[in-house]
Amino acid sequence: MTAETAAALRIGPVARKPLFRRRSAIPGFTLTLGVTLTVLSLIVLIPLSAVALKAAELSPAQFVAAAFSERALAAYRLTFGAAFVAAAINGVFGVLTAWALVRYDFPGKALVNALVDLPFALPTAVAGIALATLYSPNGWVGAYLTPLGIKAAYNPVGVTIALIFIGLPFVVRTIEPVLRDLSDDVEEAAASLGAGRLSTIARIVLPALGPSWLTGFALAFARGIGEYGSVIFIAGNMPYKSEIAPLLIIIQLEQFEYASAAAIAVVMLGASFLMLLVINAVQAWARRYV
């Protein structure tokens, strides 16, 4: 074998990727992408575009007057504030609940596991009636809170309680698979190297749960912003005090103020999208650097 032949065999021709991929037994990229875009357009994009177009019928001054009135601003503060507080509380208790369900075996575990999913299956109106019955001044729980000066129903506290109820499963079910994949061996290895329990939780467990925790928080927050049925029964629905933004939209629709209702909906949509965009950016950063 000559030197030229050896060099040719060593270098060889550069392999080219085929212009068309080999046909697969399942639908390919083009079909699945087309179906996905069609469904998303029909279910998400077109309805949201219709809301934006309806709000565009207002002049800029009319839009500002409808979307940023004192009553609307009070409703925004309550809606987003209560949803954020409820999601943060669920972020704490959701981790504890998921930890107990994954790491320990105890009597009644199957029942507790089913109770976590109950807000998913329970109609929101039923949940609202149940919460109002429990936390009203003469309810089973409210009767003990009223003498202490705590009013848990028909005010912003009641709104937060309802949002905690409906948001807890999102955090638990998002964190639970990550905890199952996080082997006990990692914690035992940290303990064998001298790490204490708090150090193990802070430096091993919590960083691993970070992206999933943010996902659960975002889901609970988004659900809280749009929740209506379970809130109106316990909120009291007093303008400027305990009136949520979805209820204000319904009131505008009942008064045939469709454009004003669409303006409020556009503001909520924009704020929700911005919040989710920030959370997704933080998740991407956490996956890369944490």
Protein backbone atom coordinates (compact mmCIF):
# COMPACT_ATOMS: atom_id res chain seq x y z
CA MET A 1 0.00 0.00 0.00
CA THR A 2 1.47 3.32 -1.07
CA ALA A 3 1.52 6.45 1.08
CA GLU A 4 -1.00 8.14 -1.20
CA THR A 5 -3.46 5.24 -0.83
CA ALA A 6 -3.08 5.20 2.95
CA ALA A 7 -3.70 8.95 3.11
CA ALA A 8 -6.83 8.61 0.96
CA LEU A 9 -8.16 5.81 3.16
CA ARG A 10 -7.36 7.81 6.26
CA ILE A 11 -9.14 10.96 5.12
CA GLY A 12 -11.92 9.44 3.07
CA PRO A 13 -14.89 11.31 1.63
CA VAL A 14 -16.95 13.54 3.95
CA ALA A 15 -20.29 11.90 4.76
CA ARG A 16 -23.28 13.95 3.68
CA LYS A 17 -26.59 13.97 5.49
CA PRO A 18 -29.46 12.69 3.37
CA LEU A 19 -31.71 15.38 2.00
CA PHE A 20 -34.82 13.53 3.18
CA ARG A 21 -35.08 11.50 6.33
CA ARG A 22 -36.07 7.88 6.15
CA ARG A 23 -39.81 7.41 6.49
CA SER A 24 -40.91 6.33 9.95
CA ALA A 25 -43.75 4.05 10.98
CA ILE A 26 -45.27 6.89 13.03
CA PRO A 27 -46.29 10.34 11.76
CA GLY A 28 -43.31 12.57 11.11
CA PHE A 29 -42.34 16.08 12.03
CA THR A 30 -44.37 17.86 9.35
CA LEU A 31 -47.66 16.18 10.23
CA THR A 32 -47.27 16.49 13.99
CA LEU A 33 -46.19 20.13 13.77
CA GLY A 34 -49.14 20.93 11.51
CA VAL A 35 -51.62 19.26 13.85
CA THR A 36 -50.05 21.02 16.85
CA LEU A 37 -50.21 24.47 15.27
CA THR A 38 -53.78 23.90 14.09
CA VAL A 39 -55.02 22.82 17.50
CA LEU A 40 -53.18 25.64 19.28
CA SER A 41 -54.59 28.16 16.82
CA LEU A 42 -58.16 26.97 17.23
CA ILE A 43 -58.03 26.62 21.02
CA VAL A 44 -55.59 29.33 22.11
CA LEU A 45 -54.50 31.81 19.46
CA ILE A 46 -57.82 32.63 17.77
CA PRO A 47 -59.81 33.15 21.02
CA LEU A 48 -57.07 35.36 22.48
CA SER A 49 -56.86 37.29 19.23
CA ALA A 50 -60.61 37.83 19.34
CA VAL A 51 -60.30 39.32 22.83
CA ALA A 52 -57.52 41.64 21.68
CA LEU A 53 -59.50 42.71 18.61
CA LYS A 54 -62.54 43.46 20.76
CA ALA A 55 -60.45 45.59 23.09
CA ALA A 56 -58.96 47.37 20.05
CA GLU A 57 -62.40 48.83 19.32
CA LEU A 58 -61.75 51.28 22.17
CA SER A 59 -59.71 54.40 21.71
CA PRO A 60 -56.51 54.67 23.80
CA ALA A 61 -58.26 56.96 26.28
CA GLN A 62 -61.25 54.64 26.54
CA PHE A 63 -58.98 51.63 26.97
CA VAL A 64 -57.08 53.29 29.82
CA ALA A 65 -60.33 54.39 31.46
CA ALA A 66 -61.78 50.87 31.30
CA ALA A 67 -58.68 48.82 32.08
CA PHE A 68 -57.06 51.07 34.69
CA SER A 69 -59.97 52.50 36.63
CA GLU A 70 -59.75 52.56 40.42
CA ARG A 71 -62.07 49.58 40.65
CA ALA A 72 -60.06 47.60 38.09
CA LEU A 73 -56.75 48.41 39.81
CA ALA A 74 -58.15 47.22 43.15
CA ALA A 75 -59.29 44.00 41.48
CA TYR A 76 -55.84 43.50 39.91
CA ARG A 77 -54.09 43.99 43.23
CA LEU A 78 -56.30 41.45 44.94
CA THR A 79 -56.17 38.90 42.11
CA PHE A 80 -52.43 38.93 41.50
CA GLY A 81 -51.52 39.50 45.14
CA ALA A 82 -53.68 36.67 46.47
CA ALA A 83 -52.54 34.34 43.68
CA PHE A 84 -48.89 35.09 44.46
CA VAL A 85 -49.30 34.60 48.21
CA ALA A 86 -51.27 31.38 47.70
CA ALA A 87 -48.66 30.02 45.26
CA ALA A 88 -45.85 30.87 47.71
CA ILE A 89 -47.65 29.12 50.58
CA ASN A 90 -48.31 26.11 48.36
CA GLY A 91 -44.64 26.17 47.40
CA VAL A 92 -43.72 25.51 51.04
CA PHE A 93 -46.42 23.05 52.03
CA GLY A 94 -46.38 21.38 48.63
CA VAL A 95 -42.72 20.42 49.09
CA LEU A 96 -43.44 19.05 52.56
CA THR A 97 -46.44 17.08 51.30
CA ALA A 98 -44.54 15.63 48.34
CA TRP A 99 -41.61 14.75 50.62
CA ALA A 100 -43.90 12.88 53.03
CA LEU A 101 -45.61 10.98 50.22
CA VAL A 102 -42.36 9.96 48.52
CA ARG A 103 -39.96 9.36 51.39
CA TYR A 104 -42.18 7.75 54.04
CA ASP A 105 -44.71 4.95 54.38
CA PHE A 106 -47.48 5.55 56.91
CA PRO A 107 -51.05 4.36 57.55
CA GLY A 108 -53.55 6.15 55.33
CA LYS A 109 -50.96 7.15 52.74
CA ALA A 110 -53.26 6.15 49.86
CA LEU A 111 -56.03 8.32 51.32
CA VAL A 112 -53.74 11.32 51.68
CA ASN A 113 -52.52 10.77 48.13
CA ALA A 114 -56.12 10.81 46.88
CA LEU A 115 -56.99 13.91 48.90
CA VAL A 116 -54.18 15.82 47.21
CA ASP A 117 -55.87 15.27 43.84
CA LEU A 118 -59.35 16.15 45.13
CA PRO A 119 -59.21 19.82 44.00
CA PHE A 120 -58.58 18.57 40.45
CA ALA A 121 -61.82 16.56 40.36
CA LEU A 122 -64.03 18.68 42.62
CA PRO A 123 -66.21 21.26 40.81
CA THR A 124 -65.03 24.74 41.72
CA ALA A 125 -68.50 25.83 42.84
CA VAL A 126 -68.65 22.91 45.27
CA ALA A 127 -65.24 23.85 46.61
CA GLY A 128 -66.34 27.46 47.09
CA ILE A 129 -69.48 26.48 48.95
CA ALA A 130 -67.55 24.07 51.16
CA LEU A 131 -64.90 26.67 52.01
CA ALA A 132 -67.51 29.34 52.74
CA THR A 133 -69.36 26.91 55.01
CA LEU A 134 -66.19 26.10 56.92
CA TYR A 135 -64.70 29.58 57.27
CA SER A 136 -67.81 31.75 57.62
CA PRO A 137 -68.24 33.38 61.08
CA ASN A 138 -70.66 30.61 62.13
CA GLY A 139 -68.83 27.80 60.29
CA TRP A 140 -66.95 24.89 61.79
CA VAL A 141 -63.59 26.65 61.57
CA GLY A 142 -64.73 30.27 61.44
CA ALA A 143 -66.59 29.94 64.74
CA TYR A 144 -63.24 29.40 66.49
CA LEU A 145 -61.44 32.14 64.54
CA THR A 146 -64.03 34.88 65.06
CA PRO A 147 -63.48 35.21 68.85
CA LEU A 148 -59.78 35.66 68.10
CA GLY A 149 -60.56 38.58 65.81
CA ILE A 150 -59.71 36.62 62.66
CA LYS A 151 -62.20 36.92 59.83
CA ALA A 152 -61.35 34.23 57.31
CA ALA A 153 -64.31 34.62 54.94
CA TYR A 154 -65.80 37.40 52.84
CA ASN A 155 -62.53 39.32 52.62
CA PRO A 156 -59.12 38.97 50.89
CA VAL A 157 -58.12 36.26 53.37
CA GLY A 158 -60.96 34.10 52.06
CA VAL A 159 -59.74 34.63 48.50
CA THR A 160 -56.25 33.45 49.48
CA ILE A 161 -57.66 30.38 51.26
CA ALA A 162 -59.62 29.38 48.14
CA LEU A 163 -56.55 29.80 45.92
CA ILE A 164 -54.43 27.72 48.29
CA PHE A 165 -57.03 24.97 48.11
CA ILE A 166 -57.10 24.79 44.32
CA GLY A 167 -53.35 25.35 43.79
CA LEU A 168 -51.78 22.79 46.14
CA PRO A 169 -52.01 19.77 43.77
CA PHE A 170 -50.05 21.60 41.06
CA VAL A 171 -47.01 21.98 43.31
CA VAL A 172 -47.21 18.50 44.83
CA ARG A 173 -47.62 16.65 41.54
CA THR A 174 -44.86 18.67 39.88
CA ILE A 175 -42.28 18.05 42.61
CA GLU A 176 -43.20 14.43 43.33
CA PRO A 177 -41.57 12.85 40.21
CA VAL A 178 -38.33 14.73 40.83
CA LEU A 179 -38.21 13.50 44.41
CA ARG A 180 -38.75 9.92 43.22
CA ASP A 181 -35.81 10.27 40.82
CA LEU A 182 -33.64 11.78 43.56
CA SER A 183 -32.15 8.65 45.07
CA ASP A 184 -31.66 8.20 48.79
CA ASP A 185 -28.06 7.24 48.05
CA VAL A 186 -27.22 10.89 47.34
CA GLU A 187 -28.42 11.95 50.78
CA GLU A 188 -26.64 9.02 52.43
CA ALA A 189 -23.42 9.90 50.61
CA ALA A 190 -23.67 13.48 51.86
CA ALA A 191 -24.25 12.24 55.41
CA SER A 192 -21.26 9.89 55.17
CA LEU A 193 -19.10 12.86 54.15
CA GLY A 194 -20.13 14.74 57.28
CA ALA A 195 -22.94 16.92 55.98
CA GLY A 196 -25.73 17.66 58.42
CA ARG A 197 -29.43 17.40 57.60
CA LEU A 198 -29.88 21.11 56.98
CA SER A 199 -26.74 21.23 54.84
CA THR A 200 -27.94 18.24 52.80
CA ILE A 201 -31.33 19.83 52.23
CA ALA A 202 -29.89 23.25 51.36
CA ARG A 203 -27.05 22.07 49.08
CA ILE A 204 -28.43 18.88 47.49
CA VAL A 205 -32.19 18.51 47.76
CA LEU A 206 -33.40 22.07 47.18
CA PRO A 207 -31.16 22.79 44.14
CA ALA A 208 -32.42 19.59 42.52
CA LEU A 209 -36.01 20.65 43.18
CA GLY A 210 -35.52 24.22 41.96
CA PRO A 211 -36.76 23.98 38.34
CA SER A 212 -39.71 21.73 39.22
CA TRP A 213 -40.60 23.98 42.16
CA LEU A 214 -40.71 27.00 39.86
CA THR A 215 -42.91 25.06 37.45
CA GLY A 216 -45.34 24.14 40.20
CA PHE A 217 -45.31 27.71 41.48
CA ALA A 218 -46.06 29.05 37.99
CA LEU A 219 -48.92 26.59 37.47
CA ALA A 220 -50.46 27.40 40.86
CA PHE A 221 -50.04 31.13 40.25
CA ALA A 222 -51.61 30.96 36.78
CA ARG A 223 -54.51 28.87 38.05
CA GLY A 224 -55.06 31.35 40.89
CA ILE A 225 -55.21 34.32 38.55
CA GLY A 226 -57.99 32.81 36.47
CA GLU A 227 -59.93 31.09 39.27
CA TYR A 228 -63.56 32.16 39.58
CA GLY A 229 -65.96 29.48 40.84
CA SER A 230 -64.32 28.63 44.16
CA VAL A 231 -63.54 32.27 45.00
CA ILE A 232 -66.82 34.14 44.58
CA PHE A 233 -68.55 32.17 47.34
CA ILE A 234 -65.98 33.02 49.99
CA ALA A 235 -64.70 36.39 48.75
CA GLY A 236 -67.67 38.59 49.61
CA ASN A 237 -67.33 40.30 46.21
CA MET A 238 -67.21 43.84 47.61
CA PRO A 239 -65.89 46.39 45.07
CA TYR A 240 -62.50 47.88 46.00
CA LYS A 241 -62.14 45.30 48.79
CA SER A 242 -62.78 41.66 47.89
CA GLU A 243 -63.70 41.77 44.19
CA ILE A 244 -61.45 39.73 41.91
CA ALA A 245 -60.68 40.63 38.31
CA PRO A 246 -62.52 37.65 36.73
CA LEU A 247 -65.67 38.70 38.58
CA LEU A 248 -65.26 42.27 37.32
CA ILE A 249 -65.07 40.91 33.77
CA ILE A 250 -68.31 38.99 34.32
CA ILE A 251 -69.99 42.13 35.68
CA GLN A 252 -68.91 44.09 32.61
CA LEU A 253 -70.30 41.38 30.33
CA GLU A 254 -73.63 41.36 32.19
CA GLN A 255 -73.82 45.11 31.62
CA PHE A 256 -73.13 44.55 27.88
CA GLU A 257 -69.80 46.40 28.16
CA TYR A 258 -68.03 43.86 26.00
CA ALA A 259 -65.15 46.11 24.98
CA SER A 260 -64.46 47.14 28.58
CA ALA A 261 -64.49 43.50 29.66
CA ALA A 262 -62.05 42.68 26.85
CA ALA A 263 -59.77 45.54 27.95
CA ILE A 264 -59.55 44.14 31.48
CA ALA A 265 -58.96 40.66 30.05
CA VAL A 266 -56.11 41.96 27.86
CA VAL A 267 -54.39 43.53 30.88
CA MET A 268 -54.68 40.28 32.83
CA LEU A 269 -53.44 38.31 29.83
CA GLY A 270 -50.41 40.56 29.39
CA ALA A 271 -49.50 40.50 33.08
CA SER A 272 -49.89 36.72 33.26
CA PHE A 273 -47.80 36.19 30.14
CA LEU A 274 -45.06 38.47 31.46
CA MET A 275 -44.99 36.65 34.79
CA LEU A 276 -44.81 33.24 33.12
CA LEU A 277 -42.08 34.50 30.78
CA VAL A 278 -39.98 35.61 33.75
CA ILE A 279 -40.51 32.30 35.54
CA ASN A 280 -39.58 30.31 32.41
CA ALA A 281 -36.42 32.41 32.04
CA VAL A 282 -35.49 31.68 35.65
CA GLN A 283 -36.15 27.98 35.05
CA ALA A 284 -33.87 27.98 32.02
CA TRP A 285 -31.15 29.69 34.04
CA ALA A 286 -31.57 27.20 36.89
CA ARG A 287 -31.28 24.19 34.57
CA ARG A 288 -28.06 25.56 33.10
CA TYR A 289 -26.21 26.88 36.12
CA VAL A 290 -27.70 25.23 39.22
